[in-house]
């Protein structure tokens, strides 16, 4: 599992997850939509922490910067 997400992408996902958690646990969004929001937040946390998004793979998306080859 190679990282395919850059720092900005990861930070945005973690901020969205924090917002979703606030909305869900604060009781602002409840019921079915609250559960959907909580699950989406969990997915955002996992993809943000690991730096890998499975949906990027079939589309060939990589937001992480290319690593420079070291010269020997």
PDB file of N, CA and C in Angstrom:
ATOM      1  N   UNK A   1       0.845  -1.168   0.000  1.00  0.00           N
ATOM      2  CA  UNK A   1       0.000   0.000   0.000  1.00  0.00           C
ATOM      3  C   UNK A   1       0.897   1.241   0.000  1.00  0.00           C
ATOM      4  N   UNK A   2       1.038   1.855  -1.150  1.00  0.00           N
ATOM      5  CA  UNK A   2       1.865   3.043  -1.320  1.00  0.00           C
ATOM      6  C   UNK A   2       1.042   4.289  -1.054  1.00  0.00           C
ATOM      7  N   UNK A   3       1.637   5.276  -0.441  1.00  0.00           N
ATOM      8  CA  UNK A   3       0.931   6.532  -0.196  1.00  0.00           C
ATOM      9  C   UNK A   3       0.615   7.222  -1.508  1.00  0.00           C
ATOM     10  N   UNK A   4      -0.609   7.734  -1.605  1.00  0.00           N
ATOM     11  CA  UNK A   4      -0.989   8.448  -2.812  1.00  0.00           C
ATOM     12  C   UNK A   4      -1.663   9.786  -2.490  1.00  0.00           C
ATOM     13  N   UNK A   5      -1.512  10.235  -1.240  1.00  0.00           N
ATOM     14  CA  UNK A   5      -2.115  11.503  -0.826  1.00  0.00           C
ATOM     15  C   UNK A   5      -1.041  12.437  -0.280  1.00  0.00           C
ATOM     16  N   UNK A   6      -1.108  13.684  -0.701  1.00  0.00           N
ATOM     17  CA  UNK A   6      -0.178  14.688  -0.218  1.00  0.00           C
ATOM     18  C   UNK A   6      -0.622  15.259   1.124  1.00  0.00           C
ATOM     19  N   UNK A   7       0.212  16.106   1.682  1.00  0.00           N
ATOM     20  CA  UNK A   7      -0.044  16.681   2.999  1.00  0.00           C
ATOM     21  C   UNK A   7      -1.312  17.521   3.021  1.00  0.00           C
ATOM     22  N   UNK A   8      -1.512  18.347   2.022  1.00  0.00           N
ATOM     23  CA  UNK A   8      -2.703  19.198   1.993  1.00  0.00           C
ATOM     24  C   UNK A   8      -3.974  18.353   1.945  1.00  0.00           C
ATOM     25  N   UNK A   9      -3.974  17.322   1.139  1.00  0.00           N
ATOM     26  CA  UNK A   9      -5.124  16.424   1.027  1.00  0.00           C
ATOM     27  C   UNK A   9      -5.418  15.745   2.368  1.00  0.00           C
ATOM     28  N   UNK A  10      -4.365  15.317   3.044  1.00  0.00           N
ATOM     29  CA  UNK A  10      -4.526  14.638   4.335  1.00  0.00           C
ATOM     30  C   UNK A  10      -5.067  15.598   5.399  1.00  0.00           C
ATOM     31  N   UNK A  11      -4.553  16.819   5.421  1.00  0.00           N
ATOM     32  CA  UNK A  11      -5.005  17.803   6.413  1.00  0.00           C
ATOM     33  C   UNK A  11      -6.471  18.160   6.182  1.00  0.00           C
ATOM     34  N   UNK A  12      -6.849  18.346   4.924  1.00  0.00           N
ATOM     35  CA  UNK A  12      -8.254  18.667   4.615  1.00  0.00           C
ATOM     36  C   UNK A  12      -9.166  17.539   5.075  1.00  0.00           C
ATOM     37  N   UNK A  13      -8.781  16.298   4.837  1.00  0.00           N
ATOM     38  CA  UNK A  13      -9.597  15.159   5.262  1.00  0.00           C
ATOM     39  C   UNK A  13      -9.727  15.101   6.781  1.00  0.00           C
ATOM     40  N   UNK A  14      -8.640  15.362   7.490  1.00  0.00           N
ATOM     41  CA  UNK A  14      -8.697  15.321   8.951  1.00  0.00           C
ATOM     42  C   UNK A  14      -9.539  16.468   9.506  1.00  0.00           C
ATOM     43  N   UNK A  15      -9.473  17.644   8.881  1.00  0.00           N
ATOM     44  CA  UNK A  15     -10.311  18.755   9.313  1.00  0.00           C
ATOM     45  C   UNK A  15     -11.788  18.473   9.058  1.00  0.00           C
ATOM     46  N   UNK A  16     -12.092  17.882   7.914  1.00  0.00           N
ATOM     47  CA  UNK A  16     -13.478  17.503   7.622  1.00  0.00           C
ATOM     48  C   UNK A  16     -13.967  16.447   8.614  1.00  0.00           C
ATOM     49  N   UNK A  17     -13.109  15.505   8.959  1.00  0.00           N
ATOM     50  CA  UNK A  17     -13.486  14.475   9.930  1.00  0.00           C
ATOM     51  C   UNK A  17     -13.782  15.108  11.289  1.00  0.00           C
ATOM     52  N   UNK A  18     -12.990  16.109  11.672  1.00  0.00           N
ATOM     53  CA  UNK A  18     -13.233  16.798  12.938  1.00  0.00           C
ATOM     54  C   UNK A  18     -14.568  17.553  12.889  1.00  0.00           C
ATOM     55  N   UNK A  19     -14.854  18.184  11.771  1.00  0.00           N
ATOM     56  CA  UNK A  19     -16.136  18.871  11.605  1.00  0.00           C
ATOM     57  C   UNK A  19     -17.299  17.885  11.674  1.00  0.00           C
ATOM     58  N   UNK A  20     -17.172  16.752  10.996  1.00  0.00           N
ATOM     59  CA  UNK A  20     -18.219  15.734  11.023  1.00  0.00           C
ATOM     60  C   UNK A  20     -18.429  15.201  12.435  1.00  0.00           C
ATOM     61  N   UNK A  21     -17.342  14.997  13.169  1.00  0.00           N
ATOM     62  CA  UNK A  21     -17.454  14.516  14.554  1.00  0.00           C
ATOM     63  C   UNK A  21     -18.179  15.545  15.414  1.00  0.00           C
ATOM     64  N   UNK A  22     -17.854  16.811  15.227  1.00  0.00           N
ATOM     65  CA  UNK A  22     -18.520  17.877  15.976  1.00  0.00           C
ATOM     66  C   UNK A  22     -20.020  17.884  15.685  1.00  0.00           C
ATOM     67  N   UNK A  23     -20.369  17.782  14.414  1.00  0.00           N
ATOM     68  CA  UNK A  23     -21.784  17.802  14.030  1.00  0.00           C
ATOM     69  C   UNK A  23     -22.531  16.587  14.573  1.00  0.00           C
ATOM     70  N   UNK A  24     -21.885  15.432  14.554  1.00  0.00           N
ATOM     71  CA  UNK A  24     -22.542  14.204  15.010  1.00  0.00           C
ATOM     72  C   UNK A  24     -22.632  14.150  16.531  1.00  0.00           C
ATOM     73  N   UNK A  25     -21.498  14.302  17.211  1.00  0.00           N
ATOM     74  CA  UNK A  25     -21.487  14.179  18.665  1.00  0.00           C
ATOM     75  C   UNK A  25     -22.104  15.391  19.359  1.00  0.00           C
ATOM     76  N   UNK A  26     -22.197  16.513  18.670  1.00  0.00           N
ATOM     77  CA  UNK A  26     -22.857  17.693  19.216  1.00  0.00           C
ATOM     78  C   UNK A  26     -24.371  17.627  19.074  1.00  0.00           C
ATOM     79  N   UNK A  27     -24.856  16.605  18.384  1.00  0.00           N
ATOM     80  CA  UNK A  27     -26.294  16.431  18.223  1.00  0.00           C
ATOM     81  C   UNK A  27     -26.906  17.354  17.179  1.00  0.00           C
ATOM     82  N   UNK A  28     -26.078  17.966  16.372  1.00  0.00           N
ATOM     83  CA  UNK A  28     -26.576  18.872  15.349  1.00  0.00           C
ATOM     84  C   UNK A  28     -27.165  18.083  14.179  1.00  0.00           C
ATOM     85  N   UNK A  29     -26.487  17.008  13.804  1.00  0.00           N
ATOM     86  CA  UNK A  29     -26.976  16.115  12.759  1.00  0.00           C
ATOM     87  C   UNK A  29     -27.249  14.764  13.414  1.00  0.00           C
ATOM     88  N   UNK A  30     -28.482  14.298  13.327  1.00  0.00           N
ATOM     89  CA  UNK A  30     -28.864  13.052  13.993  1.00  0.00           C
ATOM     90  C   UNK A  30     -29.527  12.100  13.003  1.00  0.00           C
ATOM     91  N   UNK A  31     -29.886  10.958  13.491  1.00  0.00           N
ATOM     92  CA  UNK A  31     -30.591   9.974  12.673  1.00  0.00           C
ATOM     93  C   UNK A  31     -29.688   9.346  11.631  1.00  0.00           C
ATOM     94  N   UNK A  32     -30.295   9.011  10.511  1.00  0.00           N
ATOM     95  CA  UNK A  32     -29.564   8.348   9.435  1.00  0.00           C
ATOM     96  C   UNK A  32     -28.444   9.225   8.905  1.00  0.00           C
ATOM     97  N   UNK A  33     -28.723  10.505   8.716  1.00  0.00           N
ATOM     98  CA  UNK A  33     -27.680  11.412   8.214  1.00  0.00           C
ATOM     99  C   UNK A  33     -26.518  11.530   9.193  1.00  0.00           C
ATOM    100  N   UNK A  34     -26.816  11.473  10.475  1.00  0.00           N
ATOM    101  CA  UNK A  34     -25.759  11.513  11.471  1.00  0.00           C
ATOM    102  C   UNK A  34     -24.853  10.296  11.391  1.00  0.00           C
ATOM    103  N   UNK A  35     -25.453   9.127  11.180  1.00  0.00           N
ATOM    104  CA  UNK A  35     -24.657   7.900  11.056  1.00  0.00           C
ATOM    105  C   UNK A  35     -23.821   7.936   9.785  1.00  0.00           C
ATOM    106  N   UNK A  36     -24.405   8.410   8.695  1.00  0.00           N
ATOM    107  CA  UNK A  36     -23.658   8.538   7.436  1.00  0.00           C
ATOM    108  C   UNK A  36     -22.484   9.494   7.622  1.00  0.00           C
ATOM    109  N   UNK A  37     -22.715  10.594   8.316  1.00  0.00           N
ATOM    110  CA  UNK A  37     -21.660  11.570   8.581  1.00  0.00           C
ATOM    111  C   UNK A  37     -20.559  10.974   9.446  1.00  0.00           C
ATOM    112  N   UNK A  38     -20.938  10.200  10.468  1.00  0.00           N
ATOM    113  CA  UNK A  38     -19.954   9.571  11.349  1.00  0.00           C
ATOM    114  C   UNK A  38     -19.107   8.552  10.587  1.00  0.00           C
ATOM    115  N   UNK A  39     -19.724   7.768   9.732  1.00  0.00           N
ATOM    116  CA  UNK A  39     -18.983   6.774   8.944  1.00  0.00           C
ATOM    117  C   UNK A  39     -18.047   7.475   7.961  1.00  0.00           C
ATOM    118  N   UNK A  40     -18.529   8.523   7.309  1.00  0.00           N
ATOM    119  CA  UNK A  40     -17.679   9.281   6.385  1.00  0.00           C
ATOM    120  C   UNK A  40     -16.495   9.897   7.138  1.00  0.00           C
ATOM    121  N   UNK A  41     -16.743  10.395   8.341  1.00  0.00           N
ATOM    122  CA  UNK A  41     -15.662  10.948   9.153  1.00  0.00           C
ATOM    123  C   UNK A  41     -14.626   9.905   9.507  1.00  0.00           C
ATOM    124  N   UNK A  42     -15.087   8.695   9.830  1.00  0.00           N
ATOM    125  CA  UNK A  42     -14.163   7.606  10.155  1.00  0.00           C
ATOM    126  C   UNK A  42     -13.310   7.242   8.938  1.00  0.00           C
ATOM    127  N   UNK A  43     -13.928   7.192   7.779  1.00  0.00           N
ATOM    128  CA  UNK A  43     -13.182   6.897   6.551  1.00  0.00           C
ATOM    129  C   UNK A  43     -12.161   7.995   6.281  1.00  0.00           C
ATOM    130  N   UNK A  44     -12.549   9.246   6.484  1.00  0.00           N
ATOM    131  CA  UNK A  44     -11.613  10.357   6.283  1.00  0.00           C
ATOM    132  C   UNK A  44     -10.439  10.286   7.259  1.00  0.00           C
ATOM    133  N   UNK A  45     -10.704   9.906   8.492  1.00  0.00           N
ATOM    134  CA  UNK A  45      -9.616   9.777   9.475  1.00  0.00           C
ATOM    135  C   UNK A  45      -8.649   8.680   9.039  1.00  0.00           C
ATOM    136  N   UNK A  46      -9.187   7.530   8.672  1.00  0.00           N
ATOM    137  CA  UNK A  46      -8.323   6.411   8.278  1.00  0.00           C
ATOM    138  C   UNK A  46      -7.498   6.738   7.037  1.00  0.00           C
ATOM    139  N   UNK A  47      -8.125   7.316   6.016  1.00  0.00           N
ATOM    140  CA  UNK A  47      -7.372   7.643   4.808  1.00  0.00           C
ATOM    141  C   UNK A  47      -6.382   8.780   5.067  1.00  0.00           C
ATOM    142  N   UNK A  48      -6.742   9.711   5.930  1.00  0.00           N
ATOM    143  CA  UNK A  48      -5.831  10.810   6.251  1.00  0.00           C
ATOM    144  C   UNK A  48      -4.624  10.357   7.050  1.00  0.00           C
ATOM    145  N   UNK A  49      -4.829   9.439   7.976  1.00  0.00           N
ATOM    146  CA  UNK A  49      -3.727   8.954   8.804  1.00  0.00           C
ATOM    147  C   UNK A  49      -2.770   8.085   7.990  1.00  0.00           C
ATOM    148  N   UNK A  50      -3.318   7.191   7.177  1.00  0.00           N
ATOM    149  CA  UNK A  50      -2.475   6.280   6.412  1.00  0.00           C
ATOM    150  C   UNK A  50      -1.949   6.882   5.118  1.00  0.00           C
ATOM    151  N   UNK A  51      -2.565   7.968   4.645  1.00  0.00           N
ATOM    152  CA  UNK A  51      -2.088   8.617   3.429  1.00  0.00           C
ATOM    153  C   UNK A  51      -2.402   7.840   2.168  1.00  0.00           C
ATOM    154  N   UNK A  52      -3.390   6.978   2.230  1.00  0.00           N
ATOM    155  CA  UNK A  52      -3.752   6.151   1.079  1.00  0.00           C
ATOM    156  C   UNK A  52      -5.252   6.207   0.863  1.00  0.00           C
ATOM    157  N   UNK A  53      -5.671   6.531  -0.348  1.00  0.00           N
ATOM    158  CA  UNK A  53      -7.087   6.557  -0.695  1.00  0.00           C
ATOM    159  C   UNK A  53      -7.333   5.511  -1.773  1.00  0.00           C
ATOM    160  N   UNK A  54      -8.121   4.477  -1.464  1.00  0.00           N
ATOM    161  CA  UNK A  54      -8.362   3.429  -2.453  1.00  0.00           C
ATOM    162  C   UNK A  54      -9.096   3.929  -3.699  1.00  0.00           C
ATOM    163  N   UNK A  55      -9.883   4.988  -3.587  1.00  0.00           N
ATOM    164  CA  UNK A  55     -10.585   5.515  -4.754  1.00  0.00           C
ATOM    165  C   UNK A  55      -9.653   6.238  -5.729  1.00  0.00           C
ATOM    166  N   UNK A  56      -8.480   6.630  -5.274  1.00  0.00           N
ATOM    167  CA  UNK A  56      -7.520   7.283  -6.158  1.00  0.00           C
ATOM    168  C   UNK A  56      -6.873   6.282  -7.117  1.00  0.00           C
ATOM    169  N   UNK A  57      -6.760   5.021  -6.706  1.00  0.00           N
ATOM    170  CA  UNK A  57      -6.036   4.019  -7.484  1.00  0.00           C
ATOM    171  C   UNK A  57      -6.633   3.804  -8.876  1.00  0.00           C
ATOM    172  N   UNK A  58      -7.944   3.525  -9.019  1.00  0.00           N
ATOM    173  CA  UNK A  58      -8.450   3.274 -10.373  1.00  0.00           C
ATOM    174  C   UNK A  58      -8.360   4.484 -11.304  1.00  0.00           C
ATOM    175  N   UNK A  59      -8.319   5.680 -10.734  1.00  0.00           N
ATOM    176  CA  UNK A  59      -8.244   6.885 -11.545  1.00  0.00           C
ATOM    177  C   UNK A  59      -6.807   7.385 -11.736  1.00  0.00           C
ATOM    178  N   UNK A  60      -5.854   6.738 -11.077  1.00  0.00           N
ATOM    179  CA  UNK A  60      -4.450   7.114 -11.217  1.00  0.00           C
ATOM    180  C   UNK A  60      -4.111   8.452 -10.599  1.00  0.00           C
ATOM    181  N   UNK A  61      -4.837   8.842  -9.556  1.00  0.00           N
ATOM    182  CA  UNK A  61      -4.612  10.133  -8.911  1.00  0.00           C
ATOM    183  C   UNK A  61      -3.547   9.985  -7.828  1.00  0.00           C
ATOM    184  N   UNK A  62      -2.588  10.894  -7.829  1.00  0.00           N
ATOM    185  CA  UNK A  62      -1.558  10.951  -6.789  1.00  0.00           C
ATOM    186  C   UNK A  62      -1.380  12.412  -6.411  1.00  0.00           C
ATOM    187  N   UNK A  63      -1.693  12.760  -5.172  1.00  0.00           N
ATOM    188  CA  UNK A  63      -1.514  14.142  -4.739  1.00  0.00           C
ATOM    189  C   UNK A  63      -0.247  14.316  -3.922  1.00  0.00           C
ATOM    190  N   UNK A  64       0.486  13.225  -3.714  1.00  0.00           N
ATOM    191  CA  UNK A  64       1.739  13.340  -2.982  1.00  0.00           C
ATOM    192  C   UNK A  64       2.844  13.794  -3.932  1.00  0.00           C
ATOM    193  N   UNK A  65       3.784  14.562  -3.411  1.00  0.00           N
ATOM    194  CA  UNK A  65       4.865  15.030  -4.283  1.00  0.00           C
ATOM    195  C   UNK A  65       5.776  13.864  -4.685  1.00  0.00           C
ATOM    196  N   UNK A  66       6.347  13.965  -5.862  1.00  0.00           N
ATOM    197  CA  UNK A  66       7.266  12.925  -6.337  1.00  0.00           C
ATOM    198  C   UNK A  66       8.562  13.004  -5.546  1.00  0.00           C
ATOM    199  N   UNK A  67       9.058  11.843  -5.165  1.00  0.00           N
ATOM    200  CA  UNK A  67      10.322  11.802  -4.431  1.00  0.00           C
ATOM    201  C   UNK A  67      11.475  11.952  -5.413  1.00  0.00           C
ATOM    202  N   UNK A  68      12.457  12.718  -5.009  1.00  0.00           N
ATOM    203  CA  UNK A  68      13.629  12.931  -5.863  1.00  0.00           C
ATOM    204  C   UNK A  68      14.556  11.737  -5.715  1.00  0.00           C
ATOM    205  N   UNK A  69      15.092  11.293  -6.835  1.00  0.00           N
ATOM    206  CA  UNK A  69      16.034  10.185  -6.808  1.00  0.00           C
ATOM    207  C   UNK A  69      17.371  10.685  -6.277  1.00  0.00           C
ATOM    208  N   UNK A  70      17.942   9.930  -5.378  1.00  0.00           N
ATOM    209  CA  UNK A  70      19.237  10.329  -4.819  1.00  0.00           C
ATOM    210  C   UNK A  70      20.358   9.877  -5.744  1.00  0.00           C
ATOM    211  N   UNK A  71      21.349  10.724  -5.877  1.00  0.00           N
ATOM    212  CA  UNK A  71      22.488  10.399  -6.738  1.00  0.00           C
ATOM    213  C   UNK A  71      23.595   9.787  -5.897  1.00  0.00           C
ATOM    214  N   UNK A  72      24.175   8.749  -6.431  1.00  0.00           N
ATOM    215  CA  UNK A  72      25.276   8.076  -5.701  1.00  0.00           C
ATOM    216  C   UNK A  72      26.564   8.215  -6.439  1.00  0.00           C
TER     217      UNK A  72
END
